[in-house]
Amino acid sequence: ALVSGQEVTMYRDVSETDQFDRILRFIFVGGTFINYELVKQGYATAFRYEPDVSCADLMAQAEVDARAVGFGMWSAQATFES
């Protein structure tokens, strides 16, 4: 919903891909930093992928904040199925 039907802008940090050959990009829609929003709302976790760490501290703090208030997967009502 954050990007559907909208123009996105992608930025690379250092690497093209990670060790699993996944393309690494920071995604923006207008002034919204999508990667950050997903972590901040509790829909993603923050992972540090060396050497691509320009936003690692920002993402880590967003996860701490989401956990503290119980957003998304950090909610007491969140359930996980395997």
PDB file of N, CA and C in Angstrom:
ATOM      1  N   ALA A   1       0.813  -1.198   0.000  1.00  0.00           N
ATOM      2  CA  ALA A   1       0.000   0.000   0.000  1.00  0.00           C
ATOM      3  C   ALA A   1       0.861   1.268   0.000  1.00  0.00           C
ATOM      4  N   LEU A   2       2.059   1.171   0.559  1.00  0.00           N
ATOM      5  CA  LEU A   2       2.936   2.349   0.606  1.00  0.00           C
ATOM      6  C   LEU A   2       3.472   2.742  -0.772  1.00  0.00           C
ATOM      7  N   VAL A   3       3.536   1.790  -1.697  1.00  0.00           N
ATOM      8  CA  VAL A   3       4.128   2.081  -3.006  1.00  0.00           C
ATOM      9  C   VAL A   3       3.193   1.794  -4.177  1.00  0.00           C
ATOM     10  N   SER A   4       2.092   1.144  -3.949  1.00  0.00           N
ATOM     11  CA  SER A   4       1.201   0.718  -5.020  1.00  0.00           C
ATOM     12  C   SER A   4       0.750   1.886  -5.887  1.00  0.00           C
ATOM     13  N   GLY A   5       0.989   1.756  -7.189  1.00  0.00           N
ATOM     14  CA  GLY A   5       0.541   2.762  -8.145  1.00  0.00           C
ATOM     15  C   GLY A   5       1.317   4.064  -8.099  1.00  0.00           C
ATOM     16  N   GLN A   6       2.437   4.083  -7.390  1.00  0.00           N
ATOM     17  CA  GLN A   6       3.207   5.310  -7.262  1.00  0.00           C
ATOM     18  C   GLN A   6       4.594   5.144  -7.875  1.00  0.00           C
ATOM     19  N   GLU A   7       5.184   6.252  -8.232  1.00  0.00           N
ATOM     20  CA  GLU A   7       6.548   6.230  -8.735  1.00  0.00           C
ATOM     21  C   GLU A   7       7.503   6.098  -7.559  1.00  0.00           C
ATOM     22  N   VAL A   8       8.405   5.130  -7.645  1.00  0.00           N
ATOM     23  CA  VAL A   8       9.386   4.934  -6.584  1.00  0.00           C
ATOM     24  C   VAL A   8      10.765   5.339  -7.077  1.00  0.00           C
ATOM     25  N   THR A   9      11.581   5.771  -6.147  1.00  0.00           N
ATOM     26  CA  THR A   9      12.974   6.074  -6.419  1.00  0.00           C
ATOM     27  C   THR A   9      13.806   5.137  -5.564  1.00  0.00           C
ATOM     28  N   MET A  10      14.817   4.512  -6.196  1.00  0.00           N
ATOM     29  CA  MET A  10      15.663   3.559  -5.490  1.00  0.00           C
ATOM     30  C   MET A  10      17.095   4.073  -5.440  1.00  0.00           C
ATOM     31  N   TYR A  11      17.699   3.922  -4.254  1.00  0.00           N
ATOM     32  CA  TYR A  11      19.081   4.327  -4.068  1.00  0.00           C
ATOM     33  C   TYR A  11      19.900   3.149  -3.569  1.00  0.00           C
ATOM     34  N   ARG A  12      21.109   3.056  -4.096  1.00  0.00           N
ATOM     35  CA  ARG A  12      22.041   2.016  -3.669  1.00  0.00           C
ATOM     36  C   ARG A  12      22.952   2.594  -2.601  1.00  0.00           C
ATOM     37  N   ASP A  13      23.329   1.765  -1.626  1.00  0.00           N
ATOM     38  CA  ASP A  13      24.297   2.179  -0.619  1.00  0.00           C
ATOM     39  C   ASP A  13      25.688   1.922  -1.191  1.00  0.00           C
ATOM     40  N   VAL A  14      26.283   0.782  -0.899  1.00  0.00           N
ATOM     41  CA  VAL A  14      27.609   0.456  -1.408  1.00  0.00           C
ATOM     42  C   VAL A  14      27.527  -0.672  -2.429  1.00  0.00           C
ATOM     43  N   SER A  15      26.851  -1.736  -2.069  1.00  0.00           N
ATOM     44  CA  SER A  15      26.819  -2.950  -2.884  1.00  0.00           C
ATOM     45  C   SER A  15      25.605  -2.996  -3.800  1.00  0.00           C
ATOM     46  N   GLU A  16      25.766  -3.720  -4.900  1.00  0.00           N
ATOM     47  CA  GLU A  16      24.620  -3.992  -5.777  1.00  0.00           C
ATOM     48  C   GLU A  16      23.717  -5.039  -5.144  1.00  0.00           C
ATOM     49  N   THR A  17      24.338  -6.111  -4.625  1.00  0.00           N
ATOM     50  CA  THR A  17      23.594  -7.239  -4.059  1.00  0.00           C
ATOM     51  C   THR A  17      24.228  -7.678  -2.749  1.00  0.00           C
ATOM     52  N   ASP A  18      23.471  -8.482  -1.986  1.00  0.00           N
ATOM     53  CA  ASP A  18      24.022  -9.034  -0.758  1.00  0.00           C
ATOM     54  C   ASP A  18      24.603 -10.424  -1.023  1.00  0.00           C
ATOM     55  N   GLN A  19      24.980 -11.112   0.030  1.00  0.00           N
ATOM     56  CA  GLN A  19      25.601 -12.435  -0.113  1.00  0.00           C
ATOM     57  C   GLN A  19      24.665 -13.475  -0.705  1.00  0.00           C
ATOM     58  N   PHE A  20      23.368 -13.201  -0.699  1.00  0.00           N
ATOM     59  CA  PHE A  20      22.382 -14.119  -1.262  1.00  0.00           C
ATOM     60  C   PHE A  20      21.936 -13.688  -2.657  1.00  0.00           C
ATOM     61  N   ASP A  21      22.649 -12.725  -3.239  1.00  0.00           N
ATOM     62  CA  ASP A  21      22.384 -12.190  -4.568  1.00  0.00           C
ATOM     63  C   ASP A  21      21.070 -11.411  -4.659  1.00  0.00           C
ATOM     64  N   ARG A  22      20.599 -10.892  -3.521  1.00  0.00           N
ATOM     65  CA  ARG A  22      19.407 -10.038  -3.509  1.00  0.00           C
ATOM     66  C   ARG A  22      19.845  -8.598  -3.775  1.00  0.00           C
ATOM     67  N   ILE A  23      19.102  -7.897  -4.587  1.00  0.00           N
ATOM     68  CA  ILE A  23      19.392  -6.493  -4.870  1.00  0.00           C
ATOM     69  C   ILE A  23      19.068  -5.676  -3.625  1.00  0.00           C
ATOM     70  N   LEU A  24      20.011  -4.845  -3.219  1.00  0.00           N
ATOM     71  CA  LEU A  24      19.841  -4.004  -2.036  1.00  0.00           C
ATOM     72  C   LEU A  24      19.583  -2.570  -2.458  1.00  0.00           C
ATOM     73  N   ARG A  25      18.443  -2.026  -2.038  1.00  0.00           N
ATOM     74  CA  ARG A  25      18.114  -0.641  -2.373  1.00  0.00           C
ATOM     75  C   ARG A  25      17.330   0.008  -1.241  1.00  0.00           C
ATOM     76  N   PHE A  26      17.489   1.310  -1.127  1.00  0.00           N
ATOM     77  CA  PHE A  26      16.635   2.130  -0.281  1.00  0.00           C
ATOM     78  C   PHE A  26      15.536   2.645  -1.196  1.00  0.00           C
ATOM     79  N   ILE A  27      14.288   2.561  -0.749  1.00  0.00           N
ATOM     80  CA  ILE A  27      13.133   2.914  -1.575  1.00  0.00           C
ATOM     81  C   ILE A  27      12.463   4.171  -1.014  1.00  0.00           C
ATOM     82  N   PHE A  28      12.189   5.096  -1.899  1.00  0.00           N
ATOM     83  CA  PHE A  28      11.492   6.326  -1.530  1.00  0.00           C
ATOM     84  C   PHE A  28      10.297   6.532  -2.450  1.00  0.00           C
ATOM     85  N   VAL A  29       9.204   7.002  -1.883  1.00  0.00           N
ATOM     86  CA  VAL A  29       8.045   7.477  -2.639  1.00  0.00           C
ATOM     87  C   VAL A  29       7.842   8.907  -2.168  1.00  0.00           C
ATOM     88  N   GLY A  30       8.121   9.842  -3.056  1.00  0.00           N
ATOM     89  CA  GLY A  30       8.082  11.245  -2.633  1.00  0.00           C
ATOM     90  C   GLY A  30       9.102  11.436  -1.521  1.00  0.00           C
ATOM     91  N   GLY A  31       8.673  11.990  -0.416  1.00  0.00           N
ATOM     92  CA  GLY A  31       9.553  12.192   0.733  1.00  0.00           C
ATOM     93  C   GLY A  31       9.498  11.085   1.746  1.00  0.00           C
ATOM     94  N   THR A  32       8.838   9.982   1.437  1.00  0.00           N
ATOM     95  CA  THR A  32       8.692   8.881   2.393  1.00  0.00           C
ATOM     96  C   THR A  32       9.758   7.818   2.145  1.00  0.00           C
ATOM     97  N   PHE A  33      10.515   7.502   3.176  1.00  0.00           N
ATOM     98  CA  PHE A  33      11.555   6.475   3.139  1.00  0.00           C
ATOM     99  C   PHE A  33      10.869   5.156   3.499  1.00  0.00           C
ATOM    100  N   ILE A  34      10.540   4.374   2.499  1.00  0.00           N
ATOM    101  CA  ILE A  34       9.711   3.177   2.662  1.00  0.00           C
ATOM    102  C   ILE A  34      10.364   2.138   3.563  1.00  0.00           C
ATOM    103  N   ASN A  35      11.642   1.857   3.377  1.00  0.00           N
ATOM    104  CA  ASN A  35      12.335   0.873   4.212  1.00  0.00           C
ATOM    105  C   ASN A  35      12.183   1.247   5.689  1.00  0.00           C
ATOM    106  N   TYR A  36      12.416   2.501   5.992  1.00  0.00           N
ATOM    107  CA  TYR A  36      12.305   3.002   7.364  1.00  0.00           C
ATOM    108  C   TYR A  36      10.871   2.869   7.881  1.00  0.00           C
ATOM    109  N   GLU A  37       9.901   3.242   7.076  1.00  0.00           N
ATOM    110  CA  GLU A  37       8.496   3.163   7.496  1.00  0.00           C
ATOM    111  C   GLU A  37       8.093   1.733   7.844  1.00  0.00           C
ATOM    112  N   LEU A  38       8.559   0.764   7.051  1.00  0.00           N
ATOM    113  CA  LEU A  38       8.223  -0.632   7.324  1.00  0.00           C
ATOM    114  C   LEU A  38       8.782  -1.083   8.667  1.00  0.00           C
ATOM    115  N   VAL A  39      10.003  -0.686   8.983  1.00  0.00           N
ATOM    116  CA  VAL A  39      10.599  -1.039  10.268  1.00  0.00           C
ATOM    117  C   VAL A  39       9.902  -0.281  11.390  1.00  0.00           C
ATOM    118  N   LYS A  40       9.679   1.005  11.190  1.00  0.00           N
ATOM    119  CA  LYS A  40       9.054   1.862  12.205  1.00  0.00           C
ATOM    120  C   LYS A  40       7.642   1.398  12.570  1.00  0.00           C
ATOM    121  N   GLN A  41       6.917   0.851  11.589  1.00  0.00           N
ATOM    122  CA  GLN A  41       5.553   0.387  11.838  1.00  0.00           C
ATOM    123  C   GLN A  41       5.507  -1.072  12.308  1.00  0.00           C
ATOM    124  N   GLY A  42       6.668  -1.700  12.437  1.00  0.00           N
ATOM    125  CA  GLY A  42       6.726  -3.068  12.947  1.00  0.00           C
ATOM    126  C   GLY A  42       6.439  -4.131  11.917  1.00  0.00           C
ATOM    127  N   TYR A  43       6.607  -3.810  10.636  1.00  0.00           N
ATOM    128  CA  TYR A  43       6.368  -4.776   9.565  1.00  0.00           C
ATOM    129  C   TYR A  43       7.655  -5.350   8.993  1.00  0.00           C
ATOM    130  N   ALA A  44       8.797  -4.896   9.490  1.00  0.00           N
ATOM    131  CA  ALA A  44      10.093  -5.398   9.053  1.00  0.00           C
ATOM    132  C   ALA A  44      11.072  -5.265  10.211  1.00  0.00           C
ATOM    133  N   THR A  45      12.126  -6.034  10.159  1.00  0.00           N
ATOM    134  CA  THR A  45      13.169  -5.939  11.175  1.00  0.00           C
ATOM    135  C   THR A  45      14.394  -5.262  10.571  1.00  0.00           C
ATOM    136  N   ALA A  46      15.196  -4.702  11.431  1.00  0.00           N
ATOM    137  CA  ALA A  46      16.420  -4.029  11.000  1.00  0.00           C
ATOM    138  C   ALA A  46      17.563  -5.041  10.998  1.00  0.00           C
ATOM    139  N   PHE A  47      18.235  -5.165   9.873  1.00  0.00           N
ATOM    140  CA  PHE A  47      19.406  -6.029   9.763  1.00  0.00           C
ATOM    141  C   PHE A  47      20.574  -5.205   9.247  1.00  0.00           C
ATOM    142  N   ARG A  48      21.729  -5.500   9.743  1.00  0.00           N
ATOM    143  CA  ARG A  48      22.946  -4.805   9.326  1.00  0.00           C
ATOM    144  C   ARG A  48      23.650  -5.674   8.290  1.00  0.00           C
ATOM    145  N   TYR A  49      23.777  -5.174   7.068  1.00  0.00           N
ATOM    146  CA  TYR A  49      24.440  -5.886   5.987  1.00  0.00           C
ATOM    147  C   TYR A  49      25.705  -5.119   5.598  1.00  0.00           C
ATOM    148  N   GLU A  50      26.835  -5.506   6.171  1.00  0.00           N
ATOM    149  CA  GLU A  50      28.110  -4.865   5.822  1.00  0.00           C
ATOM    150  C   GLU A  50      28.398  -5.080   4.339  1.00  0.00           C
ATOM    151  N   PRO A  51      28.896  -4.130   3.635  1.00  0.00           N
ATOM    152  CA  PRO A  51      29.317  -2.787   4.053  1.00  0.00           C
ATOM    153  C   PRO A  51      28.219  -1.737   3.882  1.00  0.00           C
ATOM    154  N   ASP A  52      26.979  -2.184   3.626  1.00  0.00           N
ATOM    155  CA  ASP A  52      25.869  -1.257   3.362  1.00  0.00           C
ATOM    156  C   ASP A  52      25.203  -0.831   4.669  1.00  0.00           C
ATOM    157  N   VAL A  53      25.849   0.084   5.371  1.00  0.00           N
ATOM    158  CA  VAL A  53      25.396   0.433   6.712  1.00  0.00           C
ATOM    159  C   VAL A  53      25.060   1.914   6.892  1.00  0.00           C
ATOM    160  N   SER A  54      24.881   2.638   5.792  1.00  0.00           N
ATOM    161  CA  SER A  54      24.644   4.079   5.916  1.00  0.00           C
ATOM    162  C   SER A  54      23.375   4.406   6.711  1.00  0.00           C
ATOM    163  N   CYS A  55      22.389   3.504   6.709  1.00  0.00           N
ATOM    164  CA  CYS A  55      21.148   3.745   7.451  1.00  0.00           C
ATOM    165  C   CYS A  55      20.940   2.738   8.585  1.00  0.00           C
ATOM    166  N   ALA A  56      21.964   1.970   8.907  1.00  0.00           N
ATOM    167  CA  ALA A  56      21.822   0.896   9.898  1.00  0.00           C
ATOM    168  C   ALA A  56      21.400   1.416  11.269  1.00  0.00           C
ATOM    169  N   ASP A  57      21.985   2.493  11.730  1.00  0.00           N
ATOM    170  CA  ASP A  57      21.630   3.029  13.053  1.00  0.00           C
ATOM    171  C   ASP A  57      20.203   3.556  13.066  1.00  0.00           C
ATOM    172  N   LEU A  58      19.804   4.225  11.994  1.00  0.00           N
ATOM    173  CA  LEU A  58      18.436   4.735  11.876  1.00  0.00           C
ATOM    174  C   LEU A  58      17.429   3.582  11.923  1.00  0.00           C
ATOM    175  N   MET A  59      17.719   2.525  11.178  1.00  0.00           N
ATOM    176  CA  MET A  59      16.820   1.368  11.140  1.00  0.00           C
ATOM    177  C   MET A  59      16.773   0.657  12.494  1.00  0.00           C
ATOM    178  N   ALA A  60      17.913   0.511  13.129  1.00  0.00           N
ATOM    179  CA  ALA A  60      17.963  -0.143  14.443  1.00  0.00           C
ATOM    180  C   ALA A  60      17.127   0.633  15.457  1.00  0.00           C
ATOM    181  N   GLN A  61      17.218   1.955  15.436  1.00  0.00           N
ATOM    182  CA  GLN A  61      16.429   2.765  16.371  1.00  0.00           C
ATOM    183  C   GLN A  61      14.940   2.664  16.058  1.00  0.00           C
ATOM    184  N   ALA A  62      14.586   2.605  14.780  1.00  0.00           N
ATOM    185  CA  ALA A  62      13.183   2.455  14.393  1.00  0.00           C
ATOM    186  C   ALA A  62      12.621   1.142  14.927  1.00  0.00           C
ATOM    187  N   GLU A  63      13.422   0.079  14.881  1.00  0.00           N
ATOM    188  CA  GLU A  63      12.961  -1.201  15.427  1.00  0.00           C
ATOM    189  C   GLU A  63      12.812  -1.138  16.940  1.00  0.00           C
ATOM    190  N   VAL A  64      13.754  -0.521  17.617  1.00  0.00           N
ATOM    191  CA  VAL A  64      13.657  -0.354  19.075  1.00  0.00           C
ATOM    192  C   VAL A  64      12.367   0.383  19.420  1.00  0.00           C
ATOM    193  N   ASP A  65      12.077   1.448  18.692  1.00  0.00           N
ATOM    194  CA  ASP A  65      10.872   2.242  18.943  1.00  0.00           C
ATOM    195  C   ASP A  65       9.608   1.437  18.670  1.00  0.00           C
ATOM    196  N   ALA A  66       9.579   0.684  17.573  1.00  0.00           N
ATOM    197  CA  ALA A  66       8.404  -0.133  17.228  1.00  0.00           C
ATOM    198  C   ALA A  66       8.163  -1.204  18.287  1.00  0.00           C
ATOM    199  N   ARG A  67       9.228  -1.822  18.763  1.00  0.00           N
ATOM    200  CA  ARG A  67       9.106  -2.836  19.820  1.00  0.00           C
ATOM    201  C   ARG A  67       8.565  -2.214  21.108  1.00  0.00           C
ATOM    202  N   ALA A  68       9.073  -1.022  21.437  1.00  0.00           N
ATOM    203  CA  ALA A  68       8.700  -0.364  22.688  1.00  0.00           C
ATOM    204  C   ALA A  68       7.210  -0.040  22.750  1.00  0.00           C
ATOM    205  N   VAL A  69       6.630   0.318  21.614  1.00  0.00           N
ATOM    206  CA  VAL A  69       5.210   0.670  21.605  1.00  0.00           C
ATOM    207  C   VAL A  69       4.320  -0.464  21.126  1.00  0.00           C
ATOM    208  N   GLY A  70       4.933  -1.575  20.690  1.00  0.00           N
ATOM    209  CA  GLY A  70       4.152  -2.743  20.283  1.00  0.00           C
ATOM    210  C   GLY A  70       3.494  -2.621  18.927  1.00  0.00           C
ATOM    211  N   PHE A  71       4.201  -2.031  17.969  1.00  0.00           N
ATOM    212  CA  PHE A  71       3.650  -1.921  16.620  1.00  0.00           C
ATOM    213  C   PHE A  71       3.861  -3.200  15.827  1.00  0.00           C
ATOM    214  N   GLY A  72       2.934  -3.474  14.907  1.00  0.00           N
ATOM    215  CA  GLY A  72       3.085  -4.574  13.956  1.00  0.00           C
ATOM    216  C   GLY A  72       3.386  -5.907  14.605  1.00  0.00           C
ATOM    217  N   MET A  73       4.481  -6.535  14.174  1.00  0.00           N
ATOM    218  CA  MET A  73       4.827  -7.860  14.689  1.00  0.00           C
ATOM    219  C   MET A  73       5.207  -7.831  16.154  1.00  0.00           C
ATOM    220  N   TRP A  74       5.442  -6.657  16.707  1.00  0.00           N
ATOM    221  CA  TRP A  74       5.800  -6.537  18.116  1.00  0.00           C
ATOM    222  C   TRP A  74       4.568  -6.354  19.001  1.00  0.00           C
ATOM    223  N   SER A  75       3.392  -6.377  18.405  1.00  0.00           N
ATOM    224  CA  SER A  75       2.141  -6.246  19.145  1.00  0.00           C
ATOM    225  C   SER A  75       1.898  -7.495  19.985  1.00  0.00           C
ATOM    226  N   ALA A  76       1.290  -7.318  21.127  1.00  0.00           N
ATOM    227  CA  ALA A  76       0.942  -8.470  21.976  1.00  0.00           C
ATOM    228  C   ALA A  76      -0.049  -9.371  21.273  1.00  0.00           C
ATOM    229  N   GLN A  77      -0.817  -8.858  20.313  1.00  0.00           N
ATOM    230  CA  GLN A  77      -1.809  -9.631  19.585  1.00  0.00           C
ATOM    231  C   GLN A  77      -1.249 -10.301  18.340  1.00  0.00           C
ATOM    232  N   ALA A  78      -0.010 -10.008  17.982  1.00  0.00           N
ATOM    233  CA  ALA A  78       0.573 -10.572  16.760  1.00  0.00           C
ATOM    234  C   ALA A  78       0.712 -12.079  16.896  1.00  0.00           C
ATOM    235  N   THR A  79       0.333 -12.778  15.844  1.00  0.00           N
ATOM    236  CA  THR A  79       0.500 -14.228  15.814  1.00  0.00           C
ATOM    237  C   THR A  79       1.293 -14.594  14.573  1.00  0.00           C
ATOM    238  N   PHE A  80       2.033 -15.652  14.693  1.00  0.00           N
ATOM    239  CA  PHE A  80       2.870 -16.097  13.581  1.00  0.00           C
ATOM    240  C   PHE A  80       2.539 -17.534  13.267  1.00  0.00           C
ATOM    241  N   GLU A  81       2.396 -17.815  11.990  1.00  0.00           N
ATOM    242  CA  GLU A  81       2.134 -19.182  11.547  1.00  0.00           C
ATOM    243  C   GLU A  81       3.339 -19.659  10.757  1.00  0.00           C
ATOM    244  N   SER A  82       3.665 -20.925  10.900  1.00  0.00           N
ATOM    245  CA  SER A  82       4.790 -21.461  10.137  1.00  0.00           C
ATOM    246  C   SER A  82       4.320 -22.388   9.070  1.00  0.00           C
TER     247      SER A  82
END
